[in-house]
Every structure is written in structure tokens, then in C-alpha cells.
Protein backbone atom coordinates (compact mmCIF):
# COMPACT_ATOMS: atom_id res chain seq x y z
CA MET A 1 -68.36 135.17 -93.41
CA LYS A 2 -68.64 136.17 -97.32
CA ARG A 3 -70.38 139.63 -96.41
CA ILE A 4 -68.92 140.90 -92.98
CA VAL A 5 -66.59 143.73 -94.66
CA LEU A 6 -69.98 144.83 -95.77
CA VAL A 7 -71.07 145.63 -92.35
CA GLY A 8 -70.08 149.37 -92.49
CA VAL A 9 -71.97 149.81 -96.38
CA ILE A 10 -74.77 148.15 -95.59
CA CYS A 11 -76.18 149.57 -92.32
CA LEU A 12 -75.76 153.55 -92.44
CA VAL A 13 -75.80 154.13 -88.52
CA PHE A 14 -77.57 157.59 -87.56
CA ILE A 15 -76.08 158.84 -84.30
CA ILE A 16 -78.74 161.63 -83.37
CA SER A 17 -78.86 163.89 -80.88
CA ALA A 18 -80.60 167.44 -80.14
CA SER A 19 -78.54 169.34 -83.07
CA VAL A 20 -80.29 166.77 -85.55
CA SER A 21 -82.59 168.56 -87.43
CA ASP A 22 -82.80 172.92 -87.88
CA ARG A 23 -86.00 172.82 -86.77
CA ALA A 24 -85.81 170.57 -83.54
CA ILE A 25 -84.86 172.73 -80.32
CA ALA A 26 -83.67 170.95 -77.25
CA ASN A 27 -85.67 170.82 -74.01
CA ALA A 28 -84.81 169.15 -70.57
CA ALA A 29 -88.39 167.42 -70.28
CA ASN A 30 -87.23 163.92 -71.35
CA PRO A 31 -84.33 164.49 -73.17
CA ARG A 32 -83.18 160.84 -75.48
CA GLY A 33 -82.00 162.80 -78.27
CA ASP A 34 -78.18 162.47 -77.38
CA LEU A 35 -78.47 158.28 -77.75
CA GLY A 36 -76.21 156.41 -80.36
CA TRP A 37 -77.07 153.11 -81.93
CA LYS A 38 -75.12 150.20 -83.02
CA VAL A 39 -76.54 148.12 -85.53
CA GLU A 40 -74.72 144.57 -86.26
CA PRO A 41 -75.12 141.28 -88.09
CA LEU A 42 -76.27 138.43 -85.65
CA ILE A 43 -77.25 135.73 -88.00
CA GLN A 44 -76.00 135.26 -91.57
CA ASP A 45 -75.57 131.62 -92.84
CA ALA A 46 -79.24 130.67 -91.90
CA ASP A 47 -82.81 131.33 -93.12
CA VAL A 48 -84.86 133.25 -89.82
CA ARG A 49 -88.39 133.74 -89.18
CA ASN A 50 -90.06 134.68 -86.58
CA VAL A 51 -87.86 136.89 -83.93
CA ALA A 52 -88.74 137.77 -80.39
CA VAL A 53 -87.15 139.90 -77.94
CA GLY A 54 -86.87 140.10 -74.55
CA TYR A 55 -83.76 140.30 -71.72
CA GLU A 56 -82.15 137.71 -69.66
CA TYR A 57 -82.32 137.74 -65.66
CA TYR A 58 -83.27 141.45 -64.03
CA LEU A 59 -83.41 143.37 -67.28
CA ARG A 60 -79.44 142.73 -68.38
CA PRO A 61 -77.72 141.29 -71.53
CA PRO A 62 -80.70 141.46 -74.73
CA GLN A 63 -81.81 138.24 -75.98
CA VAL A 64 -83.01 137.23 -79.41
CA ASP A 65 -85.60 134.42 -80.33
CA PHE A 66 -85.72 133.36 -83.79
CA TYR A 67 -87.15 130.21 -85.97
CA ASP A 68 -83.76 128.85 -88.01
CA THR A 69 -86.55 127.41 -90.84
CA ASP A 70 -83.38 125.43 -92.84
CA ALA A 71 -82.71 123.26 -89.05
CA ASP A 72 -87.05 123.94 -88.37
CA GLN A 73 -85.61 125.11 -84.95
CA TYR A 74 -85.65 127.62 -82.36
CA ARG A 75 -82.74 129.32 -81.40
CA GLN A 76 -82.07 131.86 -78.74
CA ALA A 77 -79.35 134.20 -78.83
CA THR A 78 -77.98 136.23 -75.82
CA TYR A 79 -75.39 139.01 -75.42
CA VAL A 80 -72.40 137.97 -73.49
CA GLY A 81 -69.79 140.65 -74.38
CA PRO A 82 -66.32 140.40 -76.95
CA GLY A 83 -65.24 137.07 -77.40
CA ASN A 84 -67.23 135.43 -74.78
CA GLY A 85 -69.79 133.87 -77.06
CA ILE A 86 -70.12 131.99 -80.14
CA CYS A 87 -71.75 133.64 -82.61
CA GLY A 88 -72.51 136.99 -83.98
CA PRO A 89 -69.36 140.05 -85.06
CA GLY A 90 -66.79 139.11 -82.34
CA ASP A 91 -68.29 136.20 -80.61
CA GLU A 92 -70.31 138.67 -78.59
CA TRP A 93 -73.75 136.15 -78.64
CA TYR A 94 -73.94 132.92 -76.94
CA CYS A 95 -76.70 130.73 -79.32
CA ILE A 96 -78.38 127.66 -78.26
CA ASP A 97 -80.65 125.36 -79.85
CA LEU A 98 -83.92 125.27 -77.94
CA PRO A 99 -85.00 121.67 -78.17
CA THR A 100 -88.37 121.48 -77.06
CA MET A 101 -89.67 124.06 -79.67
CA TRP A 102 -90.87 123.40 -82.98
CA GLY A 103 -92.51 124.98 -85.14
CA PRO A 104 -92.57 128.38 -86.65
CA TYR A 105 -94.34 130.67 -84.16
CA LEU A 106 -93.40 132.43 -81.08
CA ASP A 107 -93.60 135.61 -78.64
CA VAL A 108 -91.66 136.57 -75.76
CA ALA A 109 -92.53 138.34 -72.66
CA ASN A 110 -90.97 139.40 -69.44
CA PHE A 111 -91.97 140.23 -65.92
CA ARG A 112 -89.75 141.78 -63.17
CA SER A 113 -91.39 142.96 -59.57
CA PRO A 114 -90.58 146.37 -58.63
CA ASP A 115 -88.26 145.79 -55.96
CA ASN A 116 -86.31 143.51 -58.34
CA GLU A 117 -86.75 140.11 -56.08
CA TYR A 118 -88.58 138.29 -58.69
CA PHE A 119 -87.91 138.00 -62.63
CA GLU A 120 -89.52 135.70 -64.98
CA GLN A 121 -89.53 135.07 -68.63
CA GLY A 122 -92.18 133.69 -70.60
CA LYS A 123 -92.42 132.17 -74.04
CA ALA A 124 -95.57 131.21 -75.87
CA HIS A 125 -94.91 129.18 -79.04
CA TYR A 126 -96.53 126.70 -81.47
CA ASP A 127 -95.44 123.46 -82.13
CA SER A 128 -96.15 122.29 -84.84
CA VAL A 129 -95.20 118.98 -84.32
CA GLU A 130 -97.40 118.57 -81.47
CA ASN A 131 -100.68 120.84 -82.95
CA ALA A 132 -100.39 122.30 -79.68
CA LEU A 133 -100.36 125.84 -77.96
CA HIS A 134 -97.16 125.56 -75.36
CA ILE A 135 -96.08 128.28 -72.94
CA ASP A 136 -92.90 128.27 -71.25
CA THR A 137 -91.08 130.28 -68.39
CA ILE A 138 -88.35 130.67 -66.33
CA TYR A 139 -87.94 132.40 -63.36
CA ARG A 140 -85.44 133.54 -60.94
CA TYR A 141 -85.49 134.91 -56.79
CA MET A 142 -83.08 137.29 -56.25
CA HIS A 143 -82.05 134.96 -52.98
CA ASP A 144 -84.30 131.64 -53.74
CA GLY A 145 -82.32 130.35 -57.15
CA THR A 146 -84.27 129.69 -60.60
CA GLY A 147 -87.99 127.55 -62.09
CA TYR A 148 -88.72 126.41 -64.50
CA ALA A 149 -92.29 125.65 -66.01
CA SER A 150 -94.07 124.31 -68.99
CA TYR A 151 -97.80 123.86 -70.03
CA ILE A 152 -99.51 122.96 -72.93
CA VAL A 153 -102.23 125.55 -72.91
CA LEU A 154 -104.31 123.68 -75.80
CA ASP A 155 -103.83 120.74 -77.98
CA LEU A 156 -105.27 122.28 -81.02
CA ASP A 157 -105.72 118.46 -82.34
CA ASN A 158 -109.10 118.29 -79.70
CA PHE A 159 -110.58 121.77 -80.69
CA TYR A 160 -113.67 121.23 -82.44
CA GLY A 161 -112.28 118.38 -84.57
CA GLY A 162 -108.97 120.06 -85.09
CA GLY A 163 -107.09 123.55 -85.87
CA GLU A 164 -104.28 125.41 -86.25
CA MET A 165 -102.41 128.25 -85.94
CA VAL A 166 -101.32 130.53 -88.58
CA TYR A 167 -100.07 133.45 -86.61
CA PRO A 168 -97.71 133.95 -83.77
CA PRO A 169 -99.31 134.56 -80.53
CA SER A 170 -99.12 137.66 -78.31
CA LEU A 171 -97.89 137.32 -74.44
CA ALA A 172 -98.22 139.79 -71.72
CA TYR A 173 -98.04 139.38 -67.68
CA ASP A 174 -100.20 141.13 -65.11
CA ALA A 175 -99.06 142.62 -62.25
CA ASP A 176 -99.28 139.68 -60.39
CA HIS A 177 -97.32 137.94 -63.29
CA LYS A 178 -99.53 135.87 -64.42
CA ALA A 179 -99.44 135.15 -68.45
CA HIS A 180 -102.06 136.25 -70.57
CA ILE A 181 -101.94 134.54 -74.08
CA VAL A 182 -104.46 135.20 -77.25
CA ILE A 183 -104.18 133.73 -80.63
CA PHE A 184 -106.42 133.40 -84.09
CA VAL A 185 -106.99 129.25 -84.50
CA ASP A 186 -107.87 128.39 -88.12
CA ALA A 187 -110.60 125.40 -88.09
CA LEU A 188 -112.14 123.35 -91.00
CA TYR A 189 -114.88 125.94 -91.10
CA VAL A 190 -114.79 128.37 -88.16
CA ASP A 191 -112.46 130.24 -86.56
CA TYR A 192 -111.62 131.53 -83.51
CA LEU A 193 -109.79 134.50 -81.39
CA ILE A 194 -109.43 132.72 -78.15
CA TYR A 195 -107.58 134.27 -75.13
CA ALA A 196 -105.81 132.33 -72.30
CA HIS A 197 -104.59 133.53 -68.82
CA GLU A 198 -102.88 132.23 -66.23
CA VAL A 199 -105.16 131.10 -62.86
CA GLY A 200 -102.34 129.58 -60.66
CA THR A 201 -105.52 127.25 -59.16
CA THR A 202 -106.63 124.35 -60.93
CA GLY A 203 -110.04 123.06 -62.68
CA ASN A 204 -110.21 125.78 -65.14
CA SER A 205 -111.20 125.41 -68.42
CA CYS A 206 -108.39 124.96 -70.75
CA THR A 207 -108.77 121.64 -70.14
CA GLU A 208 -111.84 121.17 -72.66
CA TYR A 209 -109.34 121.98 -75.90
CA GLY A 210 -106.97 119.29 -74.21
CA GLY A 211 -104.69 122.25 -72.13
CA SER A 212 -103.45 122.65 -68.48
CA ASP A 213 -106.56 123.30 -65.75
CA ARG A 214 -104.06 125.81 -64.49
CA TRP A 215 -105.71 128.06 -67.68
CA GLU A 216 -108.64 129.16 -68.70
CA CYS A 217 -109.45 129.87 -72.32
CA GLU A 218 -112.44 131.64 -73.59
CA ILE A 219 -113.35 132.19 -77.42
CA ILE A 220 -113.99 135.95 -77.76
CA ILE A 221 -114.60 135.70 -81.46
CA THR A 222 -116.25 132.68 -83.61
CA ALA A 223 -116.40 133.78 -87.40
CA ALA A 224 -115.17 133.22 -91.02
CA SER A 225 -111.83 133.96 -91.65
CA PHE A 226 -112.31 137.20 -89.41
CA VAL A 227 -109.55 137.95 -87.33
CA ALA A 228 -105.64 138.55 -88.10
CA ASP A 229 -102.90 139.27 -86.16
CA PRO A 230 -104.05 139.65 -82.76
CA SER A 231 -102.37 141.97 -80.03
CA ILE A 232 -102.55 141.96 -76.61
CA ALA A 233 -101.65 144.02 -73.34
CA ILE A 234 -102.76 144.20 -69.91
CA ASP A 235 -103.67 147.29 -67.44
CA ALA A 236 -102.82 148.67 -64.91
CA ALA A 237 -106.18 146.62 -63.14
CA GLY A 238 -104.82 143.90 -64.83
CA ILE A 239 -107.84 143.39 -67.82
CA PRO A 240 -106.83 142.16 -70.83
CA ARG A 241 -106.82 144.65 -73.85
CA ILE A 242 -107.00 142.99 -77.56
CA VAL A 243 -106.10 144.93 -80.94
CA TYR A 244 -106.62 143.02 -84.50
CA TYR A 245 -107.19 142.92 -88.16
CA ASP A 246 -110.71 142.81 -88.71
CA GLN A 247 -110.21 140.77 -92.62
CA GLU A 248 -113.68 140.91 -93.17
CA ASN A 249 -114.50 144.31 -93.33
CA HIS A 250 -111.12 145.73 -93.33
CA ASP A 251 -110.61 147.77 -90.55
CA LEU A 252 -108.59 148.17 -87.08
CA ALA A 253 -110.63 146.27 -84.38
CA TYR A 254 -110.28 145.52 -80.81
CA ALA A 255 -112.10 143.88 -77.87
CA TYR A 256 -112.16 143.92 -73.95
CA PRO A 257 -114.07 142.58 -71.07
CA TYR A 258 -117.66 144.16 -70.35
CA ASN A 259 -119.80 143.37 -67.57
CA ASP A 260 -123.36 145.10 -69.29
CA PRO A 261 -125.16 142.54 -71.17
CA ASP A 262 -127.25 145.12 -73.15
CA LEU A 263 -123.73 146.44 -74.65
CA ALA A 264 -121.06 143.15 -74.57
CA ASN A 265 -121.59 141.80 -77.95
CA CYS A 266 -118.45 138.72 -78.01
CA GLY A 267 -116.64 136.62 -75.83
CA PRO A 268 -117.81 132.81 -74.33
CA ASN A 269 -120.80 134.53 -72.63
CA ASP A 270 -121.39 137.78 -74.25
CA ASP A 271 -119.03 139.45 -71.69
CA TRP A 272 -116.72 141.06 -73.98
CA ARG A 273 -117.18 144.01 -76.10
CA CYS A 274 -115.74 144.18 -79.25
CA ILE A 275 -115.79 147.36 -81.54
CA THR A 276 -114.32 149.28 -84.61
CA ILE A 277 -111.78 151.70 -83.96
CA GLU A 278 -110.72 152.90 -87.14
CA THR A 279 -112.54 151.87 -91.20
CA ALA A 280 -110.69 154.35 -93.21
CA GLY A 281 -109.79 152.33 -96.59
CA ASP A 282 -107.90 149.01 -96.33
CA THR A 283 -106.74 149.80 -92.51
CA GLY A 284 -105.85 148.24 -89.15
CA ARG A 285 -103.03 145.68 -90.96
CA TYR A 286 -100.06 144.33 -88.53
CA PRO A 287 -101.81 145.84 -85.60
CA VAL A 288 -100.09 146.06 -81.85
CA ILE A 289 -100.62 147.56 -79.09
CA ALA A 290 -99.30 148.50 -75.47
CA ILE A 291 -99.88 149.99 -72.60
CA ASP A 292 -97.70 151.71 -69.39
CA ASP A 293 -99.17 154.86 -67.96
CA ALA A 294 -100.55 155.17 -71.61
CA ARG A 295 -102.66 152.60 -74.02
CA TYR A 296 -101.56 153.19 -77.14
CA ILE A 297 -101.73 150.84 -81.17
CA ALA A 298 -99.91 151.19 -83.84
CA TYR A 299 -100.61 149.75 -87.48
CA TYR A 300 -100.54 150.41 -91.02
CA ASN A 301 -103.45 151.35 -93.82
CA TYR A 302 -102.57 149.19 -96.42
CA THR A 303 -104.86 152.19 -98.90
CA THR A 304 -103.33 155.32 -98.09
CA GLY A 305 -100.02 153.85 -97.00
CA GLN A 306 -100.12 155.28 -93.71
CA LEU A 307 -97.77 154.46 -90.17
CA MET A 308 -100.90 154.97 -88.01
CA VAL A 309 -100.83 155.43 -84.48
CA ALA A 310 -104.60 155.32 -82.45
CA GLU A 311 -104.26 156.55 -78.66
CA PHE A 312 -106.62 155.60 -75.72
CA VAL A 313 -107.98 159.44 -74.83
CA SER A 314 -111.53 158.52 -73.23
CA SER A 315 -113.33 161.04 -75.14
CA GLY A 316 -113.04 163.56 -77.69
CA GLY A 317 -111.06 161.72 -80.39
CA ASN A 318 -111.53 161.13 -83.94
CA CYS A 319 -111.52 157.39 -83.99
CA GLY A 320 -112.83 154.60 -81.66
CA ASN A 321 -116.88 155.33 -80.96
CA ASP A 322 -117.60 153.65 -78.06
CA TRP A 323 -119.88 153.55 -74.94
CA ILE A 324 -118.50 156.30 -72.12
CA GLY A 325 -121.43 155.44 -69.37
CA TYR A 326 -124.01 157.93 -70.40
CA GLY A 327 -123.83 158.21 -74.54
CA PHE A 328 -121.16 156.93 -77.54
CA ALA A 329 -118.16 159.04 -78.14
CA ASN A 330 -115.15 158.96 -79.77
CA ARG A 331 -112.69 157.60 -76.96
CA TRP A 332 -109.76 157.05 -79.60
CA GLN A 333 -107.26 160.11 -81.48
CA CYS A 334 -106.19 158.32 -84.32
CA ASP A 335 -102.96 159.84 -86.56
CA ALA A 336 -100.60 159.43 -89.41
CA ILE A 337 -97.60 159.21 -88.75
CA GLU A 338 -95.68 159.01 -91.46
CA SER A 339 -96.28 157.64 -95.52
CA VAL A 340 -94.26 154.08 -95.45
CA GLY A 341 -96.13 153.27 -99.13
CA THR A 342 -99.35 151.77 -100.43
CA GLY A 343 -100.13 147.86 -100.66
CA LEU A 344 -97.33 146.14 -98.17
CA THR A 345 -98.21 142.69 -98.08
CA LYS A 346 -95.03 142.14 -95.27
CA MET A 347 -94.58 145.11 -92.71
CA GLY A 348 -92.33 144.22 -89.31
CA LEU A 349 -94.15 146.90 -86.76
CA SER A 350 -93.24 146.89 -83.14
CA LEU A 351 -94.93 149.54 -80.07
CA VAL A 352 -93.56 150.10 -76.76
CA VAL A 353 -94.84 152.69 -74.24
CA ASP A 354 -92.63 154.32 -71.88
CA GLY A 355 -94.52 156.16 -69.42
CA THR A 356 -97.04 157.80 -71.43
CA GLN A 357 -94.49 158.68 -74.59
CA PRO A 358 -95.14 155.76 -77.34
CA ILE A 359 -92.29 154.44 -79.70
CA VAL A 360 -93.00 152.69 -83.10
CA ALA A 361 -90.21 150.60 -84.70
CA TYR A 362 -91.21 149.51 -88.66
CA ARG A 363 -90.36 149.21 -92.15
CA ASP A 364 -90.28 151.85 -94.58
CA GLY A 365 -90.62 151.67 -98.42
CA ASN A 366 -91.42 155.07 -99.09
CA ASP A 367 -88.18 156.97 -98.73
CA TYR A 368 -85.70 154.73 -100.42
CA SER A 369 -84.87 152.11 -103.57
CA GLN A 370 -84.92 149.61 -100.38
CA PHE A 371 -87.34 148.91 -97.63
CA THR A 372 -85.96 150.47 -94.39
CA VAL A 373 -85.78 149.97 -90.49
CA LYS A 374 -87.00 153.43 -88.56
CA VAL A 375 -87.96 154.31 -85.02
CA ALA A 376 -90.66 157.12 -84.48
CA GLN A 377 -90.85 158.86 -80.96
CA THR A 378 -92.41 161.57 -79.73
CA ALA A 379 -90.57 165.03 -79.74
CA TYR A 380 -91.58 165.40 -76.44
CA ARG A 381 -89.34 162.04 -75.49
CA MET A 382 -86.50 163.16 -78.04
CA GLY A 383 -86.43 165.78 -76.14
CA MET A 384 -87.08 168.29 -78.83
CA ASP A 385 -90.10 170.88 -79.36
CA TYR A 386 -90.70 169.69 -82.14
CA GLY A 387 -89.91 166.73 -85.12
CA ASN A 388 -90.20 165.61 -88.59
CA CYS A 389 -93.43 164.09 -88.73
CA GLY A 390 -96.97 163.07 -87.25
CA PRO A 391 -99.58 165.29 -86.97
CA GLU A 392 -98.92 169.20 -87.19
CA THR A 393 -100.49 171.09 -83.91
CA PRO A 394 -99.26 173.51 -85.74
CA PHE A 395 -95.29 171.91 -86.26
CA SER A 396 -94.92 168.35 -86.33
CA SER A 397 -95.06 166.05 -83.15
CA TRP A 398 -93.28 163.39 -83.78
CA TYR A 399 -90.07 162.34 -84.91
CA CYS A 400 -89.06 159.44 -87.84
CA GLN A 401 -85.22 158.66 -87.40
CA THR A 402 -83.72 155.93 -90.50
CA ILE A 403 -81.83 153.21 -88.11
CA ALA A 404 -80.65 151.37 -91.01
CA MET A 405 -80.97 150.66 -94.90
CA GLY A 406 -79.87 148.70 -97.76
CA PRO A 407 -78.33 146.85 -99.88
CA TYR A 408 -81.36 144.32 -99.46
CA ASN A 409 -84.76 145.07 -97.81
CA LEU A 410 -85.19 145.04 -94.63
CA GLY A 411 -87.91 145.20 -91.72
CA GLY A 412 -90.32 142.27 -92.57
CA GLU A 413 -90.26 141.83 -89.49
CA ILE A 414 -89.63 143.74 -86.40
CA ASP A 415 -89.71 143.45 -82.30
CA MET A 416 -88.79 145.90 -79.88
CA THR A 417 -87.90 146.26 -76.32
CA ILE A 418 -86.99 149.25 -74.11
CA ASN A 419 -85.22 149.03 -70.84
CA PRO A 420 -85.44 150.97 -67.26
CA ALA A 421 -83.10 154.15 -68.64
CA GLY A 422 -85.41 154.10 -71.80
CA ALA A 423 -82.53 152.70 -74.33
CA ILE A 424 -84.46 150.55 -76.95
CA PHE A 425 -82.96 147.40 -78.43
CA MET A 426 -84.94 145.40 -81.09
CA ALA A 427 -83.81 142.70 -84.12
CA TYR A 428 -84.67 142.76 -87.31
CA LEU A 429 -85.01 140.34 -90.49
CA GLU A 430 -83.12 141.45 -93.92
CA ASP A 431 -84.24 139.94 -96.93
CA ASP A 432 -80.99 138.91 -98.86
CA ASP A 433 -81.69 138.39 -102.49
CA ALA A 434 -78.28 137.21 -102.91
CA ASP A 435 -78.21 133.79 -101.03
CA TYR A 436 -82.23 133.84 -101.33
CA GLN A 437 -82.19 133.86 -97.49
CA THR A 438 -83.44 135.89 -94.53
CA HIS A 439 -80.67 137.16 -91.66
CA LEU A 440 -81.24 138.79 -88.22
CA TRP A 441 -79.63 142.38 -87.40
CA VAL A 442 -80.02 144.12 -84.34
CA ALA A 443 -79.80 147.30 -83.52
CA ARG A 444 -79.20 148.88 -79.68
CA GLN A 445 -78.68 152.46 -78.19
CA TYR A 446 -76.03 152.96 -75.79
CA PHE A 447 -74.73 156.46 -73.34
CA GLU A 448 -71.61 158.02 -75.00
CA GLY A 449 -68.67 156.85 -72.88
CA PHE A 450 -70.61 153.88 -71.22
CA LEU A 451 -71.29 150.85 -72.19
CA PRO A 452 -74.52 150.26 -73.81
CA LEU A 453 -77.07 149.77 -70.49
CA LEU A 454 -78.68 146.66 -72.28
CA GLU A 455 -75.46 144.93 -71.71
CA LYS A 456 -74.58 145.93 -68.16
């Protein structure tokens, strides 16, 4: 209550248009420059961590899952409209406790069938009481009601003498609505990068680690203090693609299944290939991968202070040297998007791909006295001939936009998604120095003259 009167001061909301820059000339290719933003506080009376966003039922109202450290409890907020909820400004959100979830790490992913007949939302979370990786799913058929399933994927007390998770899991769905999870397990002497995927039949290998026999578990990497912040995406063929920060060599690294025994170099049976994508300084921190009609990775270079984006180009790139069937070639293009400050030890970073166009939400500590929240998109997606950041070919090919700033540091964590119309929804954290808490804010785009599509 003490800071509601400051909402207009705390967040400076920028409504972008084709005329927002003297250099930005609109075209009709794929315009997104006319979408406005609404930015507002959601939770200001608790110390919040580990934010994950999703949708409730066929991509209609947005949801935010978050960990309340004061209560040691996961909570969920769903947008329900002004006066219909019990939390957020204007009681626009409905907040509930998730009573079966304890522990600080969670990720959320959604699946929606092309015909809209089936919807599934999964929550992969680390239960610190049981020391286990869980997945809870709710699924809905348009005409046949709702179902719910819950599994222990891994019991870490039974994992090679015990271990624990120290980073959030990363969750993704394939086209058959099967879930895929990647986690990092810190064991007593050795650490593990583990990939687990839902099989749909019984008798699979996760039982070896105290988990469900409906899941297959594969140890991709075994090493000491080797992996940080793993992220997973599934391509159109159902193949997992995993990106992570190589702590030993301070590089951006990438893993994927590979069936050539001469070139496979990781995985449970040397049936995966692990490569380095970029090695320039201390790079590859906080990586996230996303795939739609194109494949991108967003990450942070600690040495240069640059927000980086790598695009898979198959050959002819400037990074990601890998085998292409008859020799080695640079299969990725790594580009600096914007300087966000060197030496950041906390960096919210989220990535989605809209068709072939990447969108990055990130923390910027370089432009103002406080950390701000920004979004970077290609100028093409914005409907512009050129932008104000990113590689110059010969003009800047990206547009970087400030979404919220001050008076406290913003964006220590960020998660983002888009709806079918291309409107962005994100949640991010605010480090409030006045009350020594971290609060939760949300930002969403809308079309002028209409209710936000995320709310319909």
C-alpha cells in the first residue's frame, strides 16, 4: 500500500510507434511498432524469487508463478480483470498458493494443439523438502474436460549418493505434447547435466534415480563445477537442443543428440555432441535458447558487457565451429546487440522466437543510474527499415526499447512469452532497497482501442 501512489513515477512506460525514431521508417513487412505497453506492480508485500510466466487455458489470460521466500511457498497469479481478483492493482489478478510446491526453483511451459482442441501446461519444479525434481501438468480437452498428472522425475537423494539442484530447471514441449527437462545437479564430488524426457510408456530409466518409469533420464555431462544455467528447446523434428554456460572454460556451450560415434563426445553412451559456440573472453553467461522457424540463443558476455545473440545459420557464420557432414564450418552467427555493463552478477534474460524473428527481454545496467528492463527486437519485426542497436549492415538491424526504469534496480530476473497475435507479456523483479525485499512487476503489450489480447 505504501507505494501505490508512486506507480506513475516508478515505471516510465514507452509506447512505441513507427515514428519513435527519426531514423526508423515503417514498412508493411511485419509491423509491431504500434503496440503500447502497460507496466504495473503485481506483488509488493513479499520477497519474490524465481519468476516463470505462462498462460491459462488456450493462451487466454496470462499467469505468473513465483516463489515467496518469506512463506517458503510457490504462488500463482492469473489475470482476471479489474475488480475480479484479490491481488495486484485494482484487484485485477487472482493469487493462490501452490500447496504441493516447496523450494526455490521452477519453470513453466505450455503446449497448444494447432486445432486448439488440446492444451497442456507443465510446471517443472525442485522440491527442496523431498530433494526431488517434480513435474505437475494440467491438461484440457475442448470437449472432454480437464485432467491432472504429477510425477517425480528424479529423487536426488538416490542420485549417486545424493545431490541438489542449484539452478532452475528448463522445460519445453515437443509437437506430441511430451515434456522435456534439463537440469544441473550438484553432487558431493561430481556435477551432472541431466536431460529427462517424458516417454509415454513404462519401464524407462528414471527409475534408476528414484523417478517415474514413464520418464527417460540421460546424463549428458559428468564433471566438476562445469555447467551453469542450462536451457532447453525442442526443434520441429522433436530433437532437444541444450545450451549452457561452461564454468570451467568460461564459454557458451551447446549439446545435442548425435549418432556418429566418431564425432559424438558426450551423453550416456557417447551419443550426444557437445561443442563450444563462443569463446571471446568470459562469455555465455545466463544463456537461453528458443526455436520456432529459426533457432536463437541469447546470452551475456561478462568481459565485454554485451548482450549477445547467436543465430543458427548452418554454415558461413562467425562462431560455433562444428561438423557439417564433409568438414568443419562456423554454423552460428554471434552478434553483439547492446552494451549492458560489464561484470554483472545478476542478469535477467529471456528469449522467444516469433516465426523467424527473435525477441529478447533483458536487464541493462549501462544507460542509467539504476538497472532497467528493456526489450530488443529486430527492426524487421518492428516494421522498421533500421533500428538503434545490434549489428550494422550498414545500419543497425535491431531496435532496443526501454520498458521500465527506477527508482530501484529492475530485472534481476525476467521471464517473457508472446501470444498468437505477437503481443509480449513479461514478469520481472524489482530490488527494493527501501524495505530490503524483491518485488514482482508485469508488463504487457496491447493494441490501441482494444483490450489487451493477452487478457481476452
